Amino acid sequence: MKLTLSPWKSVIFSSLLLFSSASCKKNEEVEYTPVTAKNLVIVTDNNPGSYIMVKILGAVRSSFPDIQITYLQSKQFDVFDGSFLLNSAIQSFPTGTVIAGIVEPGAGSKRFVFDAGSKRVFSPDNTLSTRILHDHPGSACYYVENPAVLGGAQPQDLSFEEFYARGICSLISGVPAAEFGPLCGSPLTFPVQDPLMKGDSIIGEILFTDNFGNCNSNIPGSLMTQIPVGTMLTLKSGNTQLNLELGVTYASVPVGETVCFINSSKLLELAVNYGDFSGKYHLGAGNRILLYRSK
């Protein structure tokens, strides 16, 4: 079967043929495809020096030597943490940024692309894009299956690294999302709990855990204004229940004691003074939490 491409697709196709394993190196005689994106953000649980990152970054740099690349590492196999980072990138980086999420336990998911406002996203269909899709309802997602955006190759014939490299480069090149493949009608997502006051309780969820084991929630300080500092609170999350004090810093309680406070991001943080809250209570990104005054 002969593949027929429109003129602009032929340009993309010609450039993407560079991404065979023998041609990932920069060729000075090759004309690069015009860049429509100036920034690429990669959110991944792979280390910067891993094989997949070397291959992807090498391919991108070979075709787009002037693009700015930002690397954000999520916790290993943690799509909840990755989803938070992916959405944070959407909120923080400038118009036209391409954001690629590569947090894919099992490496067996389909992948799709979509436009979220003025940003472009490449992601596995494994709930990683949940928070972006929650904030951008109605975004049309398209599976990456069209050989024309993969250097002429069928998706199943490409290695994991080659697939991501070619797909990301097509997105940088400005190929419309709808050209990547069929529409993904119902992307996989996990439940998102927006912060709210319900009776005497405050409901929210943990967004991410920092390197010290402190859990940062999505509960804003505005929901906590009616609770005086020093109040003892009960926190429930699934089968976990614990008591903690509403303070102003980690040091509001003795070493080893549990505390919560509104941090510099104006969000409720859960911590153990000089301890690991996440490790102690087995809570982390994606866990729903309920808070109320202890009796």
C-alpha atoms as a PDB file:
ATOM      1  CA  MET A   1       0.000   0.000   0.000  1.00  0.00           C
ATOM      2  CA  LYS A   2       1.461   3.366  -1.047  1.00  0.00           C
ATOM      3  CA  LEU A   3       1.442   6.176   1.541  1.00  0.00           C
ATOM      4  CA  THR A   4       0.470   9.554   0.057  1.00  0.00           C
ATOM      5  CA  LEU A   5       1.296  12.694   2.005  1.00  0.00           C
ATOM      6  CA  SER A   6       0.297  16.311   1.566  1.00  0.00           C
ATOM      7  CA  PRO A   7       3.240  18.755   0.993  1.00  0.00           C
ATOM      8  CA  TRP A   8       3.579  19.799   4.647  1.00  0.00           C
ATOM      9  CA  LYS A   9       3.400  16.205   5.779  1.00  0.00           C
ATOM     10  CA  SER A  10       6.154  15.321   3.302  1.00  0.00           C
ATOM     11  CA  VAL A  11       8.440  17.811   5.007  1.00  0.00           C
ATOM     12  CA  ILE A  12       7.686  16.321   8.413  1.00  0.00           C
ATOM     13  CA  PHE A  13       8.047  12.826   7.050  1.00  0.00           C
ATOM     14  CA  SER A  14      11.440  13.578   5.504  1.00  0.00           C
ATOM     15  CA  SER A  15      12.764  15.028   8.733  1.00  0.00           C
ATOM     16  CA  LEU A  16      11.500  12.217  10.879  1.00  0.00           C
ATOM     17  CA  LEU A  17      13.315   9.649   8.767  1.00  0.00           C
ATOM     18  CA  LEU A  18      16.375  10.909  10.606  1.00  0.00           C
ATOM     19  CA  PHE A  19      15.327   8.988  13.680  1.00  0.00           C
ATOM     20  CA  SER A  20      16.458   5.521  12.697  1.00  0.00           C
ATOM     21  CA  SER A  21      18.997   4.072  15.079  1.00  0.00           C
ATOM     22  CA  ALA A  22      21.757   4.886  12.601  1.00  0.00           C
ATOM     23  CA  SER A  23      20.791   8.514  12.062  1.00  0.00           C
ATOM     24  CA  CYS A  24      20.069  10.012  15.468  1.00  0.00           C
ATOM     25  CA  LYS A  25      23.335  11.910  15.265  1.00  0.00           C
ATOM     26  CA  LYS A  26      23.309  15.459  13.934  1.00  0.00           C
ATOM     27  CA  ASN A  27      23.905  15.719  10.190  1.00  0.00           C
ATOM     28  CA  GLU A  28      25.120  19.207   9.251  1.00  0.00           C
ATOM     29  CA  GLU A  29      23.850  18.829   5.674  1.00  0.00           C
ATOM     30  CA  VAL A  30      20.243  18.204   6.703  1.00  0.00           C
ATOM     31  CA  GLU A  31      17.729  21.049   6.733  1.00  0.00           C
ATOM     32  CA  TYR A  32      15.786  20.978   9.969  1.00  0.00           C
ATOM     33  CA  THR A  33      12.037  21.165  10.029  1.00  0.00           C
ATOM     34  CA  PRO A  34      10.855  24.669  11.053  1.00  0.00           C
ATOM     35  CA  VAL A  35      10.341  24.716  14.802  1.00  0.00           C
ATOM     36  CA  THR A  36       6.973  25.876  16.077  1.00  0.00           C
ATOM     37  CA  ALA A  37       7.825  25.206  19.748  1.00  0.00           C
ATOM     38  CA  LYS A  38      10.662  26.873  21.629  1.00  0.00           C
ATOM     39  CA  ASN A  39      10.361  24.798  24.803  1.00  0.00           C
ATOM     40  CA  LEU A  40      10.118  21.083  25.503  1.00  0.00           C
ATOM     41  CA  VAL A  41       9.365  19.846  29.012  1.00  0.00           C
ATOM     42  CA  ILE A  42       9.872  16.147  29.752  1.00  0.00           C
ATOM     43  CA  VAL A  43       8.209  14.752  32.871  1.00  0.00           C
ATOM     44  CA  THR A  44       9.492  11.254  33.561  1.00  0.00           C
ATOM     45  CA  ASP A  45      10.529   8.774  36.231  1.00  0.00           C
ATOM     46  CA  ASN A  46      13.553   7.806  34.123  1.00  0.00           C
ATOM     47  CA  ASN A  47      16.947   9.090  35.211  1.00  0.00           C
ATOM     48  CA  PRO A  48      18.572  11.737  32.973  1.00  0.00           C
ATOM     49  CA  GLY A  49      21.324   9.283  32.027  1.00  0.00           C
ATOM     50  CA  SER A  50      18.998   6.382  31.187  1.00  0.00           C
ATOM     51  CA  TYR A  51      19.035   4.862  27.713  1.00  0.00           C
ATOM     52  CA  ILE A  52      15.570   6.135  26.813  1.00  0.00           C
ATOM     53  CA  MET A  53      16.390   9.700  27.834  1.00  0.00           C
ATOM     54  CA  VAL A  54      19.684   9.688  25.937  1.00  0.00           C
ATOM     55  CA  LYS A  55      17.911   8.462  22.800  1.00  0.00           C
ATOM     56  CA  ILE A  56      15.010  10.923  23.046  1.00  0.00           C
ATOM     57  CA  LEU A  57      17.125  13.940  23.940  1.00  0.00           C
ATOM     58  CA  GLY A  58      19.637  13.068  21.246  1.00  0.00           C
ATOM     59  CA  ALA A  59      16.937  12.817  18.590  1.00  0.00           C
ATOM     60  CA  VAL A  60      15.320  16.093  19.653  1.00  0.00           C
ATOM     61  CA  ARG A  61      18.635  17.956  19.779  1.00  0.00           C
ATOM     62  CA  SER A  62      19.637  16.571  16.382  1.00  0.00           C
ATOM     63  CA  SER A  63      16.575  17.984  14.678  1.00  0.00           C
ATOM     64  CA  PHE A  64      15.916  21.014  16.890  1.00  0.00           C
ATOM     65  CA  PRO A  65      19.274  22.221  18.239  1.00  0.00           C
ATOM     66  CA  ASP A  66      17.895  25.517  19.538  1.00  0.00           C
ATOM     67  CA  ILE A  67      14.955  24.222  21.531  1.00  0.00           C
ATOM     68  CA  GLN A  68      15.077  24.675  25.316  1.00  0.00           C
ATOM     69  CA  ILE A  69      14.630  21.365  27.144  1.00  0.00           C
ATOM     70  CA  THR A  70      13.547  21.129  30.783  1.00  0.00           C
ATOM     71  CA  TYR A  71      13.715  17.784  32.593  1.00  0.00           C
ATOM     72  CA  LEU A  72      11.378  17.111  35.541  1.00  0.00           C
ATOM     73  CA  GLN A  73      11.756  13.796  37.370  1.00  0.00           C
ATOM     74  CA  SER A  74       8.743  12.245  39.052  1.00  0.00           C
ATOM     75  CA  LYS A  75       8.732   9.508  41.643  1.00  0.00           C
ATOM     76  CA  GLN A  76       9.294   6.051  40.182  1.00  0.00           C
ATOM     77  CA  PHE A  77       6.156   4.407  38.748  1.00  0.00           C
ATOM     78  CA  ASP A  78       4.010   7.139  40.367  1.00  0.00           C
ATOM     79  CA  VAL A  79       1.435   8.402  37.863  1.00  0.00           C
ATOM     80  CA  PHE A  80      -0.164  10.546  40.578  1.00  0.00           C
ATOM     81  CA  ASP A  81       3.057  12.445  41.225  1.00  0.00           C
ATOM     82  CA  GLY A  82       3.750  12.572  37.484  1.00  0.00           C
ATOM     83  CA  SER A  83       0.270  13.911  36.797  1.00  0.00           C
ATOM     84  CA  PHE A  84       0.857  16.737  39.270  1.00  0.00           C
ATOM     85  CA  LEU A  85       4.191  17.641  37.646  1.00  0.00           C
ATOM     86  CA  LEU A  86       2.678  17.455  34.161  1.00  0.00           C
ATOM     87  CA  ASN A  87      -0.118  19.832  35.125  1.00  0.00           C
ATOM     88  CA  SER A  88       2.307  22.144  36.928  1.00  0.00           C
ATOM     89  CA  ALA A  89       4.299  22.401  33.697  1.00  0.00           C
ATOM     90  CA  ILE A  90       1.128  23.301  31.805  1.00  0.00           C
ATOM     91  CA  GLN A  91       0.446  26.069  34.313  1.00  0.00           C
ATOM     92  CA  SER A  92       3.994  27.413  34.470  1.00  0.00           C
ATOM     93  CA  PHE A  93       5.640  27.277  31.044  1.00  0.00           C
ATOM     94  CA  PRO A  94       5.043  29.750  28.194  1.00  0.00           C
ATOM     95  CA  THR A  95       2.707  29.561  25.233  1.00  0.00           C
ATOM     96  CA  GLY A  96       3.672  26.982  22.637  1.00  0.00           C
ATOM     97  CA  THR A  97       5.526  24.662  25.027  1.00  0.00           C
ATOM     98  CA  VAL A  98       5.455  20.941  24.217  1.00  0.00           C
ATOM     99  CA  ILE A  99       5.118  18.782  27.337  1.00  0.00           C
ATOM    100  CA  ALA A 100       5.923  15.076  27.153  1.00  0.00           C
ATOM    101  CA  GLY A 101       4.990  12.717  29.959  1.00  0.00           C
ATOM    102  CA  ILE A 102       6.933   9.458  30.174  1.00  0.00           C
ATOM    103  CA  VAL A 103       5.807   7.777  33.386  1.00  0.00           C
ATOM    104  CA  GLU A 104       4.650   4.432  32.117  1.00  0.00           C
ATOM    105  CA  PRO A 105       4.777   1.406  34.440  1.00  0.00           C
ATOM    106  CA  GLY A 106       4.747  -1.675  32.242  1.00  0.00           C
ATOM    107  CA  ALA A 107       5.427   0.366  29.081  1.00  0.00           C
ATOM    108  CA  GLY A 108       2.323  -1.129  27.474  1.00  0.00           C
ATOM    109  CA  SER A 109      -0.041   1.822  27.246  1.00  0.00           C
ATOM    110  CA  LYS A 110      -1.288   3.481  24.111  1.00  0.00           C
ATOM    111  CA  ARG A 111      -0.067   7.070  23.791  1.00  0.00           C
ATOM    112  CA  PHE A 112      -1.931  10.154  22.661  1.00  0.00           C
ATOM    113  CA  VAL A 113      -1.447  13.845  21.966  1.00  0.00           C
ATOM    114  CA  PHE A 114      -3.714  16.788  22.665  1.00  0.00           C
ATOM    115  CA  ASP A 115      -3.742  20.553  22.902  1.00  0.00           C
ATOM    116  CA  ALA A 116      -4.395  22.061  26.346  1.00  0.00           C
ATOM    117  CA  GLY A 117      -4.959  25.743  25.745  1.00  0.00           C
ATOM    118  CA  SER A 118      -1.749  27.076  24.194  1.00  0.00           C
ATOM    119  CA  LYS A 119       0.371  24.056  25.193  1.00  0.00           C
ATOM    120  CA  ARG A 120       0.783  20.669  23.502  1.00  0.00           C
ATOM    121  CA  VAL A 121       0.908  17.364  25.371  1.00  0.00           C
ATOM    122  CA  PHE A 122       2.280  13.895  24.552  1.00  0.00           C
ATOM    123  CA  SER A 123       1.297  11.264  27.115  1.00  0.00           C
ATOM    124  CA  PRO A 124       0.569   7.580  27.670  1.00  0.00           C
ATOM    125  CA  ASP A 125      -3.091   6.733  28.138  1.00  0.00           C
ATOM    126  CA  ASN A 126      -2.568   5.511  31.711  1.00  0.00           C
ATOM    127  CA  THR A 127      -4.128   8.331  33.822  1.00  0.00           C
ATOM    128  CA  LEU A 128      -0.932  10.447  33.675  1.00  0.00           C
ATOM    129  CA  SER A 129      -2.818  13.322  32.004  1.00  0.00           C
ATOM    130  CA  THR A 130      -5.658  13.279  34.531  1.00  0.00           C
ATOM    131  CA  ARG A 131      -4.991  16.654  36.136  1.00  0.00           C
ATOM    132  CA  ILE A 132      -4.495  18.442  32.832  1.00  0.00           C
ATOM    133  CA  LEU A 133      -7.703  16.982  31.421  1.00  0.00           C
ATOM    134  CA  HIS A 134      -9.501  17.889  34.656  1.00  0.00           C
ATOM    135  CA  ASP A 135      -8.452  21.520  34.215  1.00  0.00           C
ATOM    136  CA  HIS A 136      -9.046  21.488  30.440  1.00  0.00           C
ATOM    137  CA  PRO A 137     -12.315  19.592  29.985  1.00  0.00           C
ATOM    138  CA  GLY A 138     -13.242  18.828  26.416  1.00  0.00           C
ATOM    139  CA  SER A 139      -9.653  18.518  25.162  1.00  0.00           C
ATOM    140  CA  ALA A 140      -9.641  16.181  22.169  1.00  0.00           C
ATOM    141  CA  CYS A 141      -7.014  13.426  22.527  1.00  0.00           C
ATOM    142  CA  TYR A 142      -5.669  11.530  19.503  1.00  0.00           C
ATOM    143  CA  TYR A 143      -3.793   8.245  19.615  1.00  0.00           C
ATOM    144  CA  VAL A 144      -0.316   8.270  18.076  1.00  0.00           C
ATOM    145  CA  GLU A 145      -0.807   5.670  15.349  1.00  0.00           C
ATOM    146  CA  ASN A 146      -0.332   7.401  11.992  1.00  0.00           C
ATOM    147  CA  PRO A 147       2.905   6.199  10.302  1.00  0.00           C
ATOM    148  CA  ALA A 148       3.242   9.636   8.679  1.00  0.00           C
ATOM    149  CA  VAL A 149       4.113  11.169  12.063  1.00  0.00           C
ATOM    150  CA  LEU A 150       6.413   8.281  12.997  1.00  0.00           C
ATOM    151  CA  GLY A 151       8.892   8.481  10.130  1.00  0.00           C
ATOM    152  CA  GLY A 152       6.837   6.086   8.013  1.00  0.00           C
ATOM    153  CA  ALA A 153       6.948   3.252  10.564  1.00  0.00           C
ATOM    154  CA  GLN A 154       4.084   1.382  12.134  1.00  0.00           C
ATOM    155  CA  PRO A 155       3.887   1.989  15.908  1.00  0.00           C
ATOM    156  CA  GLN A 156       4.366  -1.698  16.730  1.00  0.00           C
ATOM    157  CA  ASP A 157       7.573  -1.818  14.688  1.00  0.00           C
ATOM    158  CA  LEU A 158       9.302   0.883  16.741  1.00  0.00           C
ATOM    159  CA  SER A 159      11.212   0.528  19.965  1.00  0.00           C
ATOM    160  CA  PHE A 160       9.897   2.347  23.014  1.00  0.00           C
ATOM    161  CA  GLU A 161      12.623   4.987  22.598  1.00  0.00           C
ATOM    162  CA  GLU A 162      12.118   5.481  18.864  1.00  0.00           C
ATOM    163  CA  PHE A 163       8.361   5.792  19.244  1.00  0.00           C
ATOM    164  CA  TYR A 164       8.633   8.566  21.804  1.00  0.00           C
ATOM    165  CA  ALA A 165      11.436  10.342  19.925  1.00  0.00           C
ATOM    166  CA  ARG A 166       9.590  10.447  16.617  1.00  0.00           C
ATOM    167  CA  GLY A 167       6.223  11.325  18.139  1.00  0.00           C
ATOM    168  CA  ILE A 168       7.630  14.145  20.256  1.00  0.00           C
ATOM    169  CA  CYS A 169       9.534  15.567  17.290  1.00  0.00           C
ATOM    170  CA  SER A 170       6.376  15.614  15.180  1.00  0.00           C
ATOM    171  CA  LEU A 171       4.574  17.491  17.945  1.00  0.00           C
ATOM    172  CA  ILE A 172       7.434  20.020  18.131  1.00  0.00           C
ATOM    173  CA  SER A 173       7.248  20.395  14.349  1.00  0.00           C
ATOM    174  CA  GLY A 174       3.679  21.644  14.617  1.00  0.00           C
ATOM    175  CA  VAL A 175       1.780  18.655  13.232  1.00  0.00           C
ATOM    176  CA  PRO A 176      -1.889  19.128  14.242  1.00  0.00           C
ATOM    177  CA  ALA A 177      -3.026  16.766  16.991  1.00  0.00           C
ATOM    178  CA  ALA A 178      -5.791  15.331  14.785  1.00  0.00           C
ATOM    179  CA  GLU A 179      -3.165  14.102  12.289  1.00  0.00           C
ATOM    180  CA  PHE A 180      -1.553  11.720  14.782  1.00  0.00           C
ATOM    181  CA  GLY A 181      -4.287   9.104  14.640  1.00  0.00           C
ATOM    182  CA  PRO A 182      -7.836   8.232  15.698  1.00  0.00           C
ATOM    183  CA  LEU A 183      -9.696  10.104  18.395  1.00  0.00           C
ATOM    184  CA  CYS A 184      -9.373   8.737  21.930  1.00  0.00           C
ATOM    185  CA  GLY A 185     -12.920   9.209  23.158  1.00  0.00           C
ATOM    186  CA  SER A 186     -12.410   8.366  26.833  1.00  0.00           C
ATOM    187  CA  PRO A 187      -8.839   8.778  28.119  1.00  0.00           C
ATOM    188  CA  LEU A 188      -8.067   6.883  31.313  1.00  0.00           C
ATOM    189  CA  THR A 189      -8.221   9.113  34.399  1.00  0.00           C
ATOM    190  CA  PHE A 190      -8.198   8.713  38.171  1.00  0.00           C
ATOM    191  CA  PRO A 191     -10.753  10.465  40.443  1.00  0.00           C
ATOM    192  CA  VAL A 192      -9.819  14.048  41.335  1.00  0.00           C
ATOM    193  CA  GLN A 193     -11.049  15.537  44.609  1.00  0.00           C
ATOM    194  CA  ASP A 194     -11.347  19.297  44.451  1.00  0.00           C
ATOM    195  CA  PRO A 195     -10.933  20.995  47.858  1.00  0.00           C
ATOM    196  CA  LEU A 196     -14.196  21.865  49.578  1.00  0.00           C
ATOM    197  CA  MET A 197     -15.890  22.420  52.915  1.00  0.00           C
ATOM    198  CA  LYS A 198     -18.579  19.872  53.704  1.00  0.00           C
ATOM    199  CA  GLY A 199     -20.358  20.564  56.978  1.00  0.00           C
ATOM    200  CA  ASP A 200     -17.668  20.741  59.642  1.00  0.00           C
ATOM    201  CA  SER A 201     -15.176  18.812  57.513  1.00  0.00           C
ATOM    202  CA  ILE A 202     -12.652  19.858  54.900  1.00  0.00           C
ATOM    203  CA  ILE A 203     -12.067  17.500  51.993  1.00  0.00           C
ATOM    204  CA  GLY A 204      -9.167  17.488  49.573  1.00  0.00           C
ATOM    205  CA  GLU A 205      -6.323  15.325  48.333  1.00  0.00           C
ATOM    206  CA  ILE A 206      -2.546  15.041  48.441  1.00  0.00           C
ATOM    207  CA  LEU A 207      -0.906  16.514  45.361  1.00  0.00           C
ATOM    208  CA  PHE A 208       2.688  15.424  45.905  1.00  0.00           C
ATOM    209  CA  THR A 209       5.255  14.314  48.452  1.00  0.00           C
ATOM    210  CA  ASP A 210       8.534  16.213  48.687  1.00  0.00           C
ATOM    211  CA  ASN A 211      11.991  14.737  49.229  1.00  0.00           C
ATOM    212  CA  PHE A 212      11.568  14.846  53.007  1.00  0.00           C
ATOM    213  CA  GLY A 213       8.280  12.919  53.061  1.00  0.00           C
ATOM    214  CA  ASN A 214       6.098  15.976  53.660  1.00  0.00           C
ATOM    215  CA  CYS A 215       2.733  15.730  51.896  1.00  0.00           C
ATOM    216  CA  ASN A 216       1.426  18.806  50.123  1.00  0.00           C
ATOM    217  CA  SER A 217      -2.341  18.916  49.667  1.00  0.00           C
ATOM    218  CA  ASN A 218      -4.613  20.932  47.392  1.00  0.00           C
ATOM    219  CA  ILE A 219      -6.454  22.485  50.372  1.00  0.00           C
ATOM    220  CA  PRO A 220      -5.961  26.265  50.239  1.00  0.00           C
ATOM    221  CA  GLY A 221      -5.424  28.426  53.301  1.00  0.00           C
ATOM    222  CA  SER A 222      -8.766  30.104  52.611  1.00  0.00           C
ATOM    223  CA  LEU A 223     -10.555  26.928  53.739  1.00  0.00           C
ATOM    224  CA  MET A 224      -8.668  26.866  57.049  1.00  0.00           C
ATOM    225  CA  THR A 225      -9.251  30.438  58.251  1.00  0.00           C
ATOM    226  CA  GLN A 226     -11.984  29.481  60.721  1.00  0.00           C
ATOM    227  CA  ILE A 227      -9.749  26.994  62.547  1.00  0.00           C
ATOM    228  CA  PRO A 228      -7.433  28.550  65.166  1.00  0.00           C
ATOM    229  CA  VAL A 229      -3.750  27.659  65.253  1.00  0.00           C
ATOM    230  CA  GLY A 230      -3.172  25.018  67.926  1.00  0.00           C
ATOM    231  CA  THR A 231      -6.414  23.158  67.176  1.00  0.00           C
ATOM    232  CA  MET A 232      -6.142  19.359  67.198  1.00  0.00           C
ATOM    233  CA  LEU A 233      -7.516  17.824  64.010  1.00  0.00           C
ATOM    234  CA  THR A 234      -8.394  14.305  62.920  1.00  0.00           C
ATOM    235  CA  LEU A 235      -7.342  13.242  59.445  1.00  0.00           C
ATOM    236  CA  LYS A 236      -8.903  10.290  57.634  1.00  0.00           C
ATOM    237  CA  SER A 237      -7.712   8.769  54.370  1.00  0.00           C
ATOM    238  CA  GLY A 238      -9.002   5.348  53.417  1.00  0.00           C
ATOM    239  CA  ASN A 239      -8.309   3.071  56.382  1.00  0.00           C
ATOM    240  CA  THR A 240      -5.810   5.507  57.886  1.00  0.00           C
ATOM    241  CA  GLN A 241      -6.814   7.801  60.750  1.00  0.00           C
ATOM    242  CA  LEU A 242      -4.507  10.058  62.769  1.00  0.00           C
ATOM    243  CA  ASN A 243      -4.517  13.164  64.928  1.00  0.00           C
ATOM    244  CA  LEU A 244      -2.377  16.205  64.215  1.00  0.00           C
ATOM    245  CA  GLU A 245      -2.085  19.793  65.331  1.00  0.00           C
ATOM    246  CA  LEU A 246      -2.720  22.828  63.141  1.00  0.00           C
ATOM    247  CA  GLY A 247       0.480  24.856  63.496  1.00  0.00           C
ATOM    248  CA  VAL A 248       2.389  27.506  61.601  1.00  0.00           C
ATOM    249  CA  THR A 249       5.653  25.620  60.877  1.00  0.00           C
ATOM    250  CA  TYR A 250       7.195  22.179  61.357  1.00  0.00           C
ATOM    251  CA  ALA A 251       8.522  23.335  64.709  1.00  0.00           C
ATOM    252  CA  SER A 252       5.020  24.067  66.025  1.00  0.00           C
ATOM    253  CA  VAL A 253       5.169  20.581  67.545  1.00  0.00           C
ATOM    254  CA  PRO A 254       7.977  18.633  69.263  1.00  0.00           C
ATOM    255  CA  VAL A 255      10.361  16.520  67.197  1.00  0.00           C
ATOM    256  CA  GLY A 256       8.620  13.374  65.955  1.00  0.00           C
ATOM    257  CA  GLU A 257       5.105  14.799  66.353  1.00  0.00           C
ATOM    258  CA  THR A 258       2.630  15.255  63.493  1.00  0.00           C
ATOM    259  CA  VAL A 259       1.609  18.735  62.337  1.00  0.00           C
ATOM    260  CA  CYS A 260      -0.196  20.496  59.516  1.00  0.00           C
ATOM    261  CA  PHE A 261       0.129  24.119  58.461  1.00  0.00           C
ATOM    262  CA  ILE A 262      -0.364  26.509  55.554  1.00  0.00           C
ATOM    263  CA  ASN A 263       2.975  26.539  53.761  1.00  0.00           C
ATOM    264  CA  SER A 264       4.662  29.116  51.520  1.00  0.00           C
ATOM    265  CA  SER A 265       2.582  27.886  48.562  1.00  0.00           C
ATOM    266  CA  LYS A 266      -0.557  28.826  50.545  1.00  0.00           C
ATOM    267  CA  LEU A 267      -1.613  25.174  50.694  1.00  0.00           C
ATOM    268  CA  LEU A 268      -2.089  22.812  53.624  1.00  0.00           C
ATOM    269  CA  GLU A 269       1.007  20.695  54.240  1.00  0.00           C
ATOM    270  CA  LEU A 270       1.094  17.504  56.327  1.00  0.00           C
ATOM    271  CA  ALA A 271       4.339  16.719  58.109  1.00  0.00           C
ATOM    272  CA  VAL A 272       6.182  15.094  60.974  1.00  0.00           C
ATOM    273  CA  ASN A 273       8.669  17.455  62.600  1.00  0.00           C
ATOM    274  CA  TYR A 274      12.076  16.025  61.631  1.00  0.00           C
ATOM    275  CA  GLY A 275      10.300  12.973  60.250  1.00  0.00           C
ATOM    276  CA  ASP A 276       8.744  11.380  57.159  1.00  0.00           C
ATOM    277  CA  PHE A 277       4.962  11.836  57.139  1.00  0.00           C
ATOM    278  CA  SER A 278       4.438   9.891  53.917  1.00  0.00           C
ATOM    279  CA  GLY A 279       6.534   6.953  55.077  1.00  0.00           C
ATOM    280  CA  LYS A 280       5.044   6.882  58.557  1.00  0.00           C
ATOM    281  CA  TYR A 281       1.402   6.899  57.455  1.00  0.00           C
ATOM    282  CA  HIS A 282       1.780   5.380  53.959  1.00  0.00           C
ATOM    283  CA  LEU A 283       0.085   8.336  52.303  1.00  0.00           C
ATOM    284  CA  GLY A 284       1.095  10.142  49.127  1.00  0.00           C
ATOM    285  CA  ALA A 285       0.023  11.770  45.891  1.00  0.00           C
ATOM    286  CA  GLY A 286      -3.541  10.912  44.898  1.00  0.00           C
ATOM    287  CA  ASN A 287      -4.788  10.011  48.380  1.00  0.00           C
ATOM    288  CA  ARG A 288      -8.038  11.712  49.325  1.00  0.00           C
ATOM    289  CA  ILE A 289      -8.044  13.301  52.798  1.00  0.00           C
ATOM    290  CA  LEU A 290     -10.767  14.450  55.178  1.00  0.00           C
ATOM    291  CA  LEU A 291     -10.081  16.786  58.107  1.00  0.00           C
ATOM    292  CA  TYR A 292     -12.223  17.787  61.067  1.00  0.00           C
ATOM    293  CA  ARG A 293     -11.743  19.015  64.632  1.00  0.00           C
ATOM    294  CA  SER A 294     -10.873  16.233  67.038  1.00  0.00           C
ATOM    295  CA  LYS A 295     -13.414  15.544  69.789  1.00  0.00           C
END
